[in-house]
Every structure is written in C-alpha cells, then in structure tokens.
Amino acid sequence: MRYLYHVGFGLSAIAGASLAAIVSLPVSSSPVHAQAAYGSYVGIGFSGGLTEGDTNGGADSEDRKSAAVFSTRYKILEVPISLRTQTLLFNPTTAFVPTVSYDFPLSWQSDAYIGVGYSFSKGESPSPVGNKNAFAIQPGIDFALPDSNLVLFGNAIIAFDAYREAGGAAVSLQGGVGLNFR
C-alpha cells in the first residue's frame, strides 16, 4: 500500500509539473498566412538579351548577348521578402545583379515576385543586361517541383540606362533549375 502511495504521489507531481509547463507556454493569437513550401536555392540556367544599344545612328550596335546564369535566392523567414542574385557568366562582359524581392505566394509550390536592385557590368562588350552599371527591376516566378528539392525559376531583368554608347534600357530573360537548401 505504501508503494502505491509513492507511485501515485510521483505521478501526480509529474502531471502537475507538465500541466504547469503547458500553461506557461506563450500563446500566439496571430493569424497563420500561407507561404510557399520551399525557401532558399542555388541554380544554373541560361540568359538571353532581348535588346541592343544602337550607336552612331544605327551604323554600329551593342549587340544582344546570351550568357550562362548562376542564380541564388535567400528566403527571409516569416516575411515575404527574398534576397536574390543573378550572375551572368561566360560572355566577354560579366554582370552581377543583386535584388531584394517582394514575393507573392501563388500556391504551396509557386510564387511570383518583383525585385529591385542594381546591375553591375564588368567589361566593354555588352552582357544580356548591357555594359554599364544601372538600376534594375526583376519580375519573376519560382516553381518547386513536387516531391523533390528542385525549383524551376524564370525572370526578366530590366536594367535602365544600361548601354555606355547608346543609353537605353537592356532587357534580358533568365530561366533554369535550382536546388533547395532550406
């Protein structure tokens, strides 16, 4: 009988301590918002310029270019903001375009976004985003493939006043595949 008394008392103490721990947990009354089911990624793909800069009244031109693209996205948790970069490589001019984007979840697997940033170009010949450093905007979409760590990405970069000789905006399209890391 004495044994049952100690066991009962011990179980009561454990139950009371557990209840006290549960009651002292913070309770949040904030609403739950839908977010895409994926986060940060690194990826590779292709970039193609849609514009070219004209010089000397059209006699010469800063041609459209294509390049390989290395893309990253770092998703900031709990807010619809991401830090993104596009590095355009394997062209005489290398371009680096960091942006901060606002993400619009479309579903658990996709989101659309609009980013603002700056295009840094290094070299004389134009890259797909021109050959001059310029303010840039970047609309795009990401799609996480179901049951995998892969993300398909596609975006445009519009770099304003991006050609040294002719001025004008440079527009390029990027697309590729990324690997989720968080």
N, C-alpha and C. Protein backbone atom coordinates (compact mmCIF):
# COMPACT_ATOMS: atom_id res chain seq x y z
N MET A 1 0.81 -1.17 0.00
CA MET A 1 0.00 0.00 0.00
C MET A 1 0.87 1.25 0.00
N ARG A 2 1.91 1.20 0.78
CA ARG A 2 2.81 2.32 0.86
C ARG A 2 3.46 2.57 -0.50
N TYR A 3 3.76 1.50 -1.25
CA TYR A 3 4.35 1.59 -2.57
C TYR A 3 3.41 2.33 -3.53
N LEU A 4 2.13 1.99 -3.53
CA LEU A 4 1.15 2.65 -4.39
C LEU A 4 1.01 4.12 -4.03
N TYR A 5 1.13 4.46 -2.76
CA TYR A 5 1.04 5.84 -2.33
C TYR A 5 2.18 6.65 -2.95
N HIS A 6 3.42 6.12 -2.96
CA HIS A 6 4.58 6.82 -3.52
C HIS A 6 4.47 6.94 -5.04
N VAL A 7 4.00 5.87 -5.70
CA VAL A 7 3.83 5.92 -7.15
C VAL A 7 2.76 6.94 -7.51
N GLY A 8 1.65 6.92 -6.81
CA GLY A 8 0.58 7.88 -7.07
C GLY A 8 1.04 9.30 -6.85
N PHE A 9 1.77 9.53 -5.78
CA PHE A 9 2.28 10.86 -5.47
C PHE A 9 3.27 11.31 -6.55
N GLY A 10 4.15 10.40 -6.99
CA GLY A 10 5.13 10.71 -8.04
C GLY A 10 4.45 11.05 -9.36
N LEU A 11 3.44 10.25 -9.75
CA LEU A 11 2.70 10.53 -10.99
C LEU A 11 1.96 11.86 -10.90
N SER A 12 1.41 12.17 -9.74
CA SER A 12 0.73 13.46 -9.56
C SER A 12 1.70 14.62 -9.69
N ALA A 13 2.88 14.46 -9.15
CA ALA A 13 3.89 15.51 -9.25
C ALA A 13 4.31 15.73 -10.70
N ILE A 14 4.52 14.62 -11.45
CA ILE A 14 4.90 14.73 -12.87
C ILE A 14 3.77 15.38 -13.66
N ALA A 15 2.53 14.96 -13.43
CA ALA A 15 1.38 15.53 -14.13
C ALA A 15 1.24 17.02 -13.81
N GLY A 16 1.42 17.39 -12.56
CA GLY A 16 1.31 18.80 -12.17
C GLY A 16 2.41 19.64 -12.80
N ALA A 17 3.62 19.12 -12.83
CA ALA A 17 4.73 19.85 -13.44
C ALA A 17 4.50 19.99 -14.94
N SER A 18 4.00 18.94 -15.58
CA SER A 18 3.71 19.01 -17.02
C SER A 18 2.62 20.03 -17.30
N LEU A 19 1.58 20.02 -16.50
CA LEU A 19 0.49 20.97 -16.69
C LEU A 19 0.98 22.40 -16.48
N ALA A 20 1.83 22.61 -15.49
CA ALA A 20 2.38 23.94 -15.25
C ALA A 20 3.23 24.40 -16.44
N ALA A 21 4.00 23.48 -17.02
CA ALA A 21 4.82 23.82 -18.18
C ALA A 21 3.96 24.16 -19.38
N ILE A 22 2.88 23.42 -19.59
CA ILE A 22 1.99 23.68 -20.72
C ILE A 22 1.29 25.01 -20.54
N VAL A 23 0.81 25.30 -19.35
CA VAL A 23 0.10 26.55 -19.09
C VAL A 23 1.02 27.75 -19.26
N SER A 24 2.30 27.61 -18.96
CA SER A 24 3.22 28.74 -19.05
C SER A 24 3.75 28.97 -20.46
N LEU A 25 3.40 28.12 -21.44
CA LEU A 25 3.84 28.33 -22.82
C LEU A 25 3.17 29.57 -23.38
N PRO A 26 3.92 30.36 -24.16
CA PRO A 26 3.30 31.55 -24.75
C PRO A 26 2.27 31.14 -25.80
N VAL A 27 1.17 31.85 -25.83
CA VAL A 27 0.11 31.58 -26.78
C VAL A 27 0.07 32.73 -27.76
N SER A 28 0.09 32.41 -29.05
CA SER A 28 0.07 33.42 -30.08
C SER A 28 -1.32 33.49 -30.70
N SER A 29 -1.83 34.68 -30.83
CA SER A 29 -3.14 34.84 -31.45
C SER A 29 -3.03 35.42 -32.85
N SER A 30 -1.81 35.44 -33.41
CA SER A 30 -1.65 35.99 -34.76
C SER A 30 -2.13 34.97 -35.79
N PRO A 31 -2.71 35.45 -36.89
CA PRO A 31 -3.22 34.53 -37.90
C PRO A 31 -2.09 33.84 -38.65
N VAL A 32 -2.38 32.69 -39.19
CA VAL A 32 -1.42 31.93 -39.98
C VAL A 32 -1.60 32.31 -41.44
N HIS A 33 -0.49 32.64 -42.12
CA HIS A 33 -0.54 33.03 -43.52
C HIS A 33 0.07 31.92 -44.37
N ALA A 34 -0.51 31.70 -45.54
CA ALA A 34 0.02 30.70 -46.46
C ALA A 34 1.35 31.18 -47.01
N GLN A 35 2.33 30.31 -47.05
CA GLN A 35 3.62 30.59 -47.65
C GLN A 35 3.98 29.44 -48.56
N ALA A 36 4.77 29.73 -49.55
CA ALA A 36 5.23 28.67 -50.43
C ALA A 36 6.01 27.65 -49.62
N ALA A 37 5.98 26.40 -50.03
CA ALA A 37 6.55 25.31 -49.24
C ALA A 37 8.04 25.12 -49.48
N TYR A 38 8.70 26.08 -50.02
CA TYR A 38 10.13 25.97 -50.25
C TYR A 38 10.78 27.28 -49.87
N GLY A 39 12.08 27.32 -49.91
CA GLY A 39 12.76 28.53 -49.47
C GLY A 39 13.93 28.88 -50.36
N SER A 40 15.10 28.83 -49.82
CA SER A 40 16.30 29.27 -50.50
C SER A 40 16.81 28.23 -51.48
N TYR A 41 17.45 28.72 -52.55
CA TYR A 41 18.01 27.79 -53.54
C TYR A 41 19.20 28.41 -54.25
N VAL A 42 19.98 27.56 -54.89
CA VAL A 42 21.02 27.96 -55.84
C VAL A 42 20.70 27.26 -57.15
N GLY A 43 20.96 27.92 -58.27
CA GLY A 43 20.60 27.32 -59.54
C GLY A 43 21.47 27.78 -60.69
N ILE A 44 21.31 27.08 -61.81
CA ILE A 44 22.01 27.43 -63.03
C ILE A 44 21.00 27.47 -64.17
N GLY A 45 21.35 28.21 -65.21
CA GLY A 45 20.44 28.30 -66.34
C GLY A 45 21.03 29.11 -67.47
N PHE A 46 20.15 29.73 -68.25
CA PHE A 46 20.51 30.46 -69.45
C PHE A 46 19.93 31.87 -69.38
N SER A 47 20.66 32.83 -69.92
CA SER A 47 20.19 34.22 -70.00
C SER A 47 20.32 34.70 -71.44
N GLY A 48 19.28 35.34 -71.92
CA GLY A 48 19.31 35.89 -73.27
C GLY A 48 18.86 37.33 -73.28
N GLY A 49 19.63 38.20 -73.94
CA GLY A 49 19.28 39.60 -74.05
C GLY A 49 18.23 39.80 -75.13
N LEU A 50 17.26 40.67 -74.87
CA LEU A 50 16.21 40.97 -75.84
C LEU A 50 16.44 42.30 -76.54
N THR A 51 17.37 43.11 -76.04
CA THR A 51 17.60 44.45 -76.59
C THR A 51 19.05 44.60 -77.00
N GLU A 52 19.31 45.63 -77.78
CA GLU A 52 20.67 46.02 -78.12
C GLU A 52 20.73 47.53 -78.17
N GLY A 53 21.87 48.08 -77.89
CA GLY A 53 22.03 49.53 -77.92
C GLY A 53 22.57 49.97 -79.27
N ASP A 54 21.94 50.95 -79.89
CA ASP A 54 22.40 51.49 -81.17
C ASP A 54 23.35 52.65 -80.93
N THR A 55 24.40 52.72 -81.73
CA THR A 55 25.34 53.84 -81.66
C THR A 55 25.50 54.43 -83.05
N ASN A 56 25.93 55.64 -83.14
CA ASN A 56 26.16 56.33 -84.42
C ASN A 56 24.95 56.26 -85.34
N GLY A 57 23.77 56.49 -84.82
CA GLY A 57 22.56 56.49 -85.65
C GLY A 57 22.22 55.13 -86.22
N GLY A 58 22.63 54.07 -85.61
CA GLY A 58 22.29 52.73 -86.08
C GLY A 58 23.39 52.08 -86.92
N ALA A 59 24.49 52.81 -87.21
CA ALA A 59 25.56 52.24 -88.02
C ALA A 59 26.29 51.13 -87.27
N ASP A 60 26.44 51.30 -85.98
CA ASP A 60 27.05 50.27 -85.13
C ASP A 60 26.01 49.87 -84.09
N SER A 61 26.23 48.75 -83.45
CA SER A 61 25.30 48.38 -82.38
C SER A 61 26.03 47.63 -81.29
N GLU A 62 25.47 47.76 -80.11
CA GLU A 62 25.91 46.95 -78.98
C GLU A 62 24.94 45.78 -78.97
N ASP A 63 25.37 44.67 -79.56
CA ASP A 63 24.50 43.54 -79.87
C ASP A 63 23.87 42.89 -78.65
N ARG A 64 22.78 42.17 -78.94
CA ARG A 64 22.17 41.30 -77.92
C ARG A 64 23.16 40.19 -77.60
N LYS A 65 23.14 39.77 -76.39
CA LYS A 65 24.07 38.72 -75.96
C LYS A 65 23.33 37.64 -75.19
N SER A 66 23.97 36.52 -75.06
CA SER A 66 23.46 35.44 -74.22
C SER A 66 24.57 35.04 -73.26
N ALA A 67 24.18 34.38 -72.20
CA ALA A 67 25.16 34.00 -71.18
C ALA A 67 24.59 32.87 -70.33
N ALA A 68 25.47 32.21 -69.61
CA ALA A 68 25.04 31.27 -68.57
C ALA A 68 24.68 32.11 -67.36
N VAL A 69 23.74 31.63 -66.57
CA VAL A 69 23.34 32.37 -65.39
C VAL A 69 23.48 31.47 -64.16
N PHE A 70 24.03 32.04 -63.11
CA PHE A 70 24.09 31.39 -61.79
C PHE A 70 23.17 32.21 -60.91
N SER A 71 22.16 31.56 -60.34
CA SER A 71 21.11 32.26 -59.61
C SER A 71 21.06 31.79 -58.16
N THR A 72 20.80 32.71 -57.25
CA THR A 72 20.58 32.35 -55.85
C THR A 72 19.36 33.08 -55.32
N ARG A 73 18.72 32.44 -54.38
CA ARG A 73 17.62 33.07 -53.64
C ARG A 73 17.80 32.71 -52.17
N TYR A 74 17.77 33.73 -51.32
CA TYR A 74 17.77 33.51 -49.88
C TYR A 74 16.44 34.02 -49.35
N LYS A 75 15.58 33.11 -48.93
CA LYS A 75 14.25 33.44 -48.43
C LYS A 75 14.37 33.86 -46.97
N ILE A 76 13.92 35.07 -46.66
CA ILE A 76 13.89 35.53 -45.28
C ILE A 76 12.64 34.95 -44.63
N LEU A 77 12.82 34.23 -43.54
CA LEU A 77 11.72 33.52 -42.91
C LEU A 77 10.68 34.48 -42.35
N GLU A 78 9.43 34.07 -42.41
CA GLU A 78 8.28 34.73 -41.82
C GLU A 78 7.89 36.07 -42.44
N VAL A 79 8.57 36.50 -43.49
CA VAL A 79 8.17 37.69 -44.24
C VAL A 79 8.28 37.35 -45.72
N PRO A 80 7.50 37.98 -46.56
CA PRO A 80 7.54 37.65 -47.99
C PRO A 80 8.65 38.40 -48.74
N ILE A 81 9.85 38.37 -48.19
CA ILE A 81 10.99 39.07 -48.76
C ILE A 81 12.10 38.06 -49.04
N SER A 82 12.77 38.21 -50.19
CA SER A 82 13.91 37.37 -50.55
C SER A 82 15.06 38.23 -51.04
N LEU A 83 16.27 37.76 -50.80
CA LEU A 83 17.48 38.36 -51.37
C LEU A 83 17.87 37.47 -52.54
N ARG A 84 18.04 38.05 -53.71
CA ARG A 84 18.32 37.27 -54.92
C ARG A 84 19.55 37.84 -55.62
N THR A 85 20.25 36.96 -56.34
CA THR A 85 21.33 37.40 -57.22
C THR A 85 21.26 36.61 -58.52
N GLN A 86 21.63 37.28 -59.57
CA GLN A 86 21.81 36.65 -60.87
C GLN A 86 23.21 37.04 -61.32
N THR A 87 24.06 36.05 -61.61
CA THR A 87 25.38 36.32 -62.13
C THR A 87 25.42 35.77 -63.54
N LEU A 88 25.65 36.64 -64.52
CA LEU A 88 25.67 36.26 -65.93
C LEU A 88 27.11 36.06 -66.34
N LEU A 89 27.46 34.83 -66.74
CA LEU A 89 28.85 34.42 -66.97
C LEU A 89 29.08 33.93 -68.40
N PHE A 90 30.35 33.71 -68.73
CA PHE A 90 30.79 33.12 -69.99
C PHE A 90 30.42 33.98 -71.19
N ASN A 91 30.58 35.25 -71.02
CA ASN A 91 30.36 36.26 -72.04
C ASN A 91 31.55 37.21 -71.85
N PRO A 92 31.98 37.96 -72.85
CA PRO A 92 33.10 38.87 -72.60
C PRO A 92 32.86 39.81 -71.42
N THR A 93 31.58 40.16 -71.18
CA THR A 93 31.25 41.01 -70.04
C THR A 93 30.48 40.19 -69.01
N THR A 94 30.93 40.22 -67.77
CA THR A 94 30.24 39.55 -66.68
C THR A 94 29.34 40.56 -65.99
N ALA A 95 28.15 40.13 -65.66
CA ALA A 95 27.22 41.01 -64.95
C ALA A 95 26.76 40.34 -63.66
N PHE A 96 26.58 41.14 -62.64
CA PHE A 96 26.11 40.68 -61.33
C PHE A 96 24.93 41.55 -60.96
N VAL A 97 23.77 40.92 -60.69
CA VAL A 97 22.55 41.68 -60.43
C VAL A 97 21.94 41.23 -59.09
N PRO A 98 22.28 41.90 -57.99
CA PRO A 98 21.63 41.60 -56.71
C PRO A 98 20.31 42.38 -56.60
N THR A 99 19.29 41.73 -56.08
CA THR A 99 17.99 42.38 -55.89
C THR A 99 17.38 41.97 -54.56
N VAL A 100 16.46 42.77 -54.09
CA VAL A 100 15.60 42.45 -52.96
C VAL A 100 14.21 42.33 -53.54
N SER A 101 13.55 41.20 -53.29
CA SER A 101 12.24 40.99 -53.91
C SER A 101 11.13 40.87 -52.88
N TYR A 102 9.94 41.25 -53.32
CA TYR A 102 8.73 41.01 -52.56
C TYR A 102 8.05 39.83 -53.24
N ASP A 103 7.76 38.78 -52.47
CA ASP A 103 7.24 37.52 -53.02
C ASP A 103 5.73 37.42 -52.79
N PHE A 104 5.02 36.99 -53.84
CA PHE A 104 3.58 36.79 -53.79
C PHE A 104 3.30 35.30 -53.92
N PRO A 105 2.98 34.58 -52.84
CA PRO A 105 2.70 33.15 -52.96
C PRO A 105 1.47 32.92 -53.86
N LEU A 106 1.63 32.05 -54.83
CA LEU A 106 0.53 31.66 -55.71
C LEU A 106 -0.09 30.35 -55.27
N SER A 107 0.75 29.46 -54.74
CA SER A 107 0.32 28.15 -54.23
C SER A 107 1.42 27.65 -53.31
N TRP A 108 1.28 26.43 -52.84
CA TRP A 108 2.31 25.85 -51.98
C TRP A 108 3.58 25.54 -52.77
N GLN A 109 3.50 25.56 -54.11
CA GLN A 109 4.65 25.21 -54.92
C GLN A 109 5.18 26.36 -55.76
N SER A 110 4.50 27.49 -55.79
CA SER A 110 4.98 28.56 -56.66
C SER A 110 4.74 29.93 -56.05
N ASP A 111 5.56 30.87 -56.48
CA ASP A 111 5.34 32.26 -56.14
C ASP A 111 5.83 33.15 -57.27
N ALA A 112 5.22 34.32 -57.37
CA ALA A 112 5.66 35.36 -58.28
C ALA A 112 6.36 36.41 -57.43
N TYR A 113 7.23 37.20 -58.04
CA TYR A 113 7.92 38.22 -57.26
C TYR A 113 8.29 39.40 -58.15
N ILE A 114 8.56 40.50 -57.48
CA ILE A 114 9.10 41.69 -58.13
C ILE A 114 10.26 42.15 -57.27
N GLY A 115 11.41 42.34 -57.91
CA GLY A 115 12.60 42.74 -57.17
C GLY A 115 13.16 44.04 -57.71
N VAL A 116 13.86 44.74 -56.86
CA VAL A 116 14.59 45.95 -57.25
C VAL A 116 16.04 45.79 -56.82
N GLY A 117 16.93 46.30 -57.66
CA GLY A 117 18.35 46.17 -57.34
C GLY A 117 19.20 46.96 -58.31
N TYR A 118 20.39 46.45 -58.56
CA TYR A 118 21.36 47.15 -59.39
C TYR A 118 22.12 46.14 -60.22
N SER A 119 22.37 46.49 -61.46
CA SER A 119 23.12 45.63 -62.37
C SER A 119 24.55 46.16 -62.46
N PHE A 120 25.51 45.32 -62.09
CA PHE A 120 26.92 45.68 -62.16
C PHE A 120 27.53 44.94 -63.34
N SER A 121 28.03 45.67 -64.34
CA SER A 121 28.63 45.05 -65.52
C SER A 121 30.12 45.34 -65.54
N LYS A 122 30.91 44.31 -65.86
CA LYS A 122 32.36 44.47 -65.92
C LYS A 122 32.83 44.01 -67.29
N GLY A 123 33.27 44.95 -68.10
CA GLY A 123 33.77 44.64 -69.44
C GLY A 123 33.25 45.65 -70.44
N GLU A 124 33.83 45.66 -71.62
CA GLU A 124 33.45 46.62 -72.66
C GLU A 124 32.26 46.15 -73.48
N SER A 125 32.24 44.89 -73.84
CA SER A 125 31.17 44.34 -74.67
C SER A 125 29.91 44.17 -73.82
N PRO A 126 28.73 44.36 -74.40
CA PRO A 126 27.50 44.21 -73.61
C PRO A 126 27.26 42.77 -73.14
N SER A 127 26.69 42.67 -71.96
CA SER A 127 26.14 41.40 -71.47
C SER A 127 24.66 41.42 -71.80
N PRO A 128 23.90 40.40 -71.46
CA PRO A 128 22.45 40.47 -71.69
C PRO A 128 21.77 41.64 -70.98
N VAL A 129 22.42 42.22 -69.95
CA VAL A 129 21.85 43.38 -69.26
C VAL A 129 22.68 44.64 -69.50
N GLY A 130 23.31 44.73 -70.67
CA GLY A 130 24.07 45.92 -71.05
C GLY A 130 25.52 45.85 -70.63
N ASN A 131 26.21 47.00 -70.77
CA ASN A 131 27.62 47.07 -70.41
C ASN A 131 27.92 48.26 -69.50
N LYS A 132 26.90 48.71 -68.79
CA LYS A 132 27.04 49.85 -67.87
C LYS A 132 26.27 49.52 -66.59
N ASN A 133 26.81 49.91 -65.45
CA ASN A 133 26.10 49.72 -64.18
C ASN A 133 24.79 50.49 -64.22
N ALA A 134 23.72 49.86 -63.73
CA ALA A 134 22.41 50.51 -63.87
C ALA A 134 21.42 49.99 -62.83
N PHE A 135 20.43 50.82 -62.51
CA PHE A 135 19.30 50.42 -61.67
C PHE A 135 18.52 49.34 -62.42
N ALA A 136 18.02 48.34 -61.70
CA ALA A 136 17.32 47.24 -62.36
C ALA A 136 16.09 46.81 -61.58
N ILE A 137 15.07 46.34 -62.30
CA ILE A 137 13.93 45.68 -61.69
C ILE A 137 13.89 44.26 -62.23
N GLN A 138 13.34 43.36 -61.43
CA GLN A 138 13.36 41.94 -61.78
C GLN A 138 12.04 41.28 -61.42
N PRO A 139 11.11 41.16 -62.36
CA PRO A 139 9.91 40.35 -62.11
C PRO A 139 10.22 38.89 -62.44
N GLY A 140 9.58 37.97 -61.72
CA GLY A 140 9.84 36.56 -62.00
C GLY A 140 8.88 35.63 -61.30
N ILE A 141 9.15 34.34 -61.49
CA ILE A 141 8.33 33.29 -60.88
C ILE A 141 9.23 32.11 -60.53
N ASP A 142 8.93 31.46 -59.41
CA ASP A 142 9.61 30.24 -58.99
C ASP A 142 8.57 29.14 -58.84
N PHE A 143 8.94 27.92 -59.20
CA PHE A 143 8.03 26.78 -59.08
C PHE A 143 8.81 25.60 -58.51
N ALA A 144 8.41 25.12 -57.34
CA ALA A 144 9.04 23.96 -56.70
C ALA A 144 8.41 22.70 -57.27
N LEU A 145 9.25 21.81 -57.80
CA LEU A 145 8.74 20.55 -58.33
C LEU A 145 8.29 19.66 -57.17
N PRO A 146 7.09 19.10 -57.25
CA PRO A 146 6.57 18.27 -56.16
C PRO A 146 7.48 17.08 -55.87
N ASP A 147 7.58 16.74 -54.59
CA ASP A 147 8.33 15.58 -54.12
C ASP A 147 9.80 15.60 -54.53
N SER A 148 10.40 16.79 -54.60
CA SER A 148 11.82 16.89 -54.91
C SER A 148 12.38 18.16 -54.28
N ASN A 149 13.68 18.33 -54.38
CA ASN A 149 14.33 19.55 -53.90
C ASN A 149 14.63 20.51 -55.04
N LEU A 150 14.00 20.31 -56.19
CA LEU A 150 14.28 21.13 -57.36
C LEU A 150 13.27 22.26 -57.52
N VAL A 151 13.77 23.39 -57.99
CA VAL A 151 12.96 24.57 -58.24
C VAL A 151 13.23 25.03 -59.66
N LEU A 152 12.18 25.30 -60.43
CA LEU A 152 12.33 25.92 -61.73
C LEU A 152 12.17 27.43 -61.53
N PHE A 153 13.05 28.23 -62.13
CA PHE A 153 12.95 29.67 -61.99
C PHE A 153 12.96 30.33 -63.37
N GLY A 154 12.28 31.45 -63.44
CA GLY A 154 12.28 32.26 -64.65
C GLY A 154 12.06 33.70 -64.26
N ASN A 155 12.80 34.61 -64.90
CA ASN A 155 12.64 36.02 -64.59
C ASN A 155 13.12 36.89 -65.74
N ALA A 156 12.81 38.14 -65.64
CA ALA A 156 13.32 39.14 -66.57
C ALA A 156 14.13 40.14 -65.75
N ILE A 157 15.13 40.72 -66.37
CA ILE A 157 15.86 41.83 -65.74
C ILE A 157 15.75 43.01 -66.69
N ILE A 158 15.28 44.11 -66.17
CA ILE A 158 15.20 45.35 -66.93
C ILE A 158 16.17 46.31 -66.27
N ALA A 159 17.28 46.59 -66.96
CA ALA A 159 18.30 47.50 -66.45
C ALA A 159 18.17 48.82 -67.21
N PHE A 160 17.95 49.91 -66.48
CA PHE A 160 17.71 51.22 -67.09
C PHE A 160 19.03 51.93 -67.38
N ASP A 161 19.11 52.58 -68.55
CA ASP A 161 20.32 53.29 -68.99
C ASP A 161 21.54 52.37 -68.88
N ALA A 162 21.46 51.21 -69.53
CA ALA A 162 22.43 50.14 -69.33
C ALA A 162 23.50 50.04 -70.41
N TYR A 163 23.43 50.87 -71.47
CA TYR A 163 24.44 50.82 -72.53
C TYR A 163 25.30 52.07 -72.48
N ARG A 164 26.62 51.89 -72.54
CA ARG A 164 27.55 53.02 -72.45
C ARG A 164 27.41 53.99 -73.62
N GLU A 165 27.37 53.48 -74.82
CA GLU A 165 27.36 54.33 -76.00
C GLU A 165 25.97 54.89 -76.31
N ALA A 166 24.97 54.06 -76.25
CA ALA A 166 23.65 54.45 -76.73
C ALA A 166 22.67 54.80 -75.62
N GLY A 167 22.96 54.40 -74.41
CA GLY A 167 21.96 54.57 -73.35
C GLY A 167 20.82 53.60 -73.59
N GLY A 168 19.72 53.83 -72.95
CA GLY A 168 18.56 52.96 -73.13
C GLY A 168 18.58 51.77 -72.19
N ALA A 169 17.41 51.16 -72.09
CA ALA A 169 17.24 50.01 -71.19
C ALA A 169 17.70 48.72 -71.86
N ALA A 170 18.22 47.82 -71.06
CA ALA A 170 18.56 46.47 -71.51
C ALA A 170 17.58 45.52 -70.84
N VAL A 171 17.03 44.61 -71.63
CA VAL A 171 16.07 43.64 -71.10
C VAL A 171 16.59 42.25 -71.41
N SER A 172 16.59 41.38 -70.41
CA SER A 172 17.01 40.00 -70.61
C SER A 172 16.05 39.06 -69.92
N LEU A 173 16.02 37.83 -70.41
CA LEU A 173 15.23 36.77 -69.79
C LEU A 173 16.16 35.69 -69.28
N GLN A 174 15.89 35.18 -68.08
CA GLN A 174 16.66 34.11 -67.48
C GLN A 174 15.74 32.96 -67.14
N GLY A 175 16.25 31.76 -67.21
CA GLY A 175 15.49 30.58 -66.79
C GLY A 175 16.45 29.47 -66.44
N GLY A 176 16.03 28.59 -65.53
CA GLY A 176 16.88 27.49 -65.15
C GLY A 176 16.28 26.65 -64.05
N VAL A 177 17.14 25.85 -63.44
CA VAL A 177 16.73 24.93 -62.39
C VAL A 177 17.62 25.16 -61.17
N GLY A 178 17.00 25.13 -59.99
CA GLY A 178 17.73 25.35 -58.75
C GLY A 178 17.56 24.18 -57.80
N LEU A 179 18.42 24.12 -56.81
CA LEU A 179 18.38 23.10 -55.77
C LEU A 179 18.12 23.77 -54.44
N ASN A 180 17.01 23.37 -53.79
CA ASN A 180 16.66 23.91 -52.47
C ASN A 180 17.70 23.53 -51.45
N PHE A 181 18.08 24.47 -50.59
CA PHE A 181 18.95 24.13 -49.48
C PHE A 181 18.35 24.50 -48.14
N ARG A 182 17.12 25.03 -48.12
CA ARG A 182 16.47 25.34 -46.87
C ARG A 182 15.01 25.53 -47.12
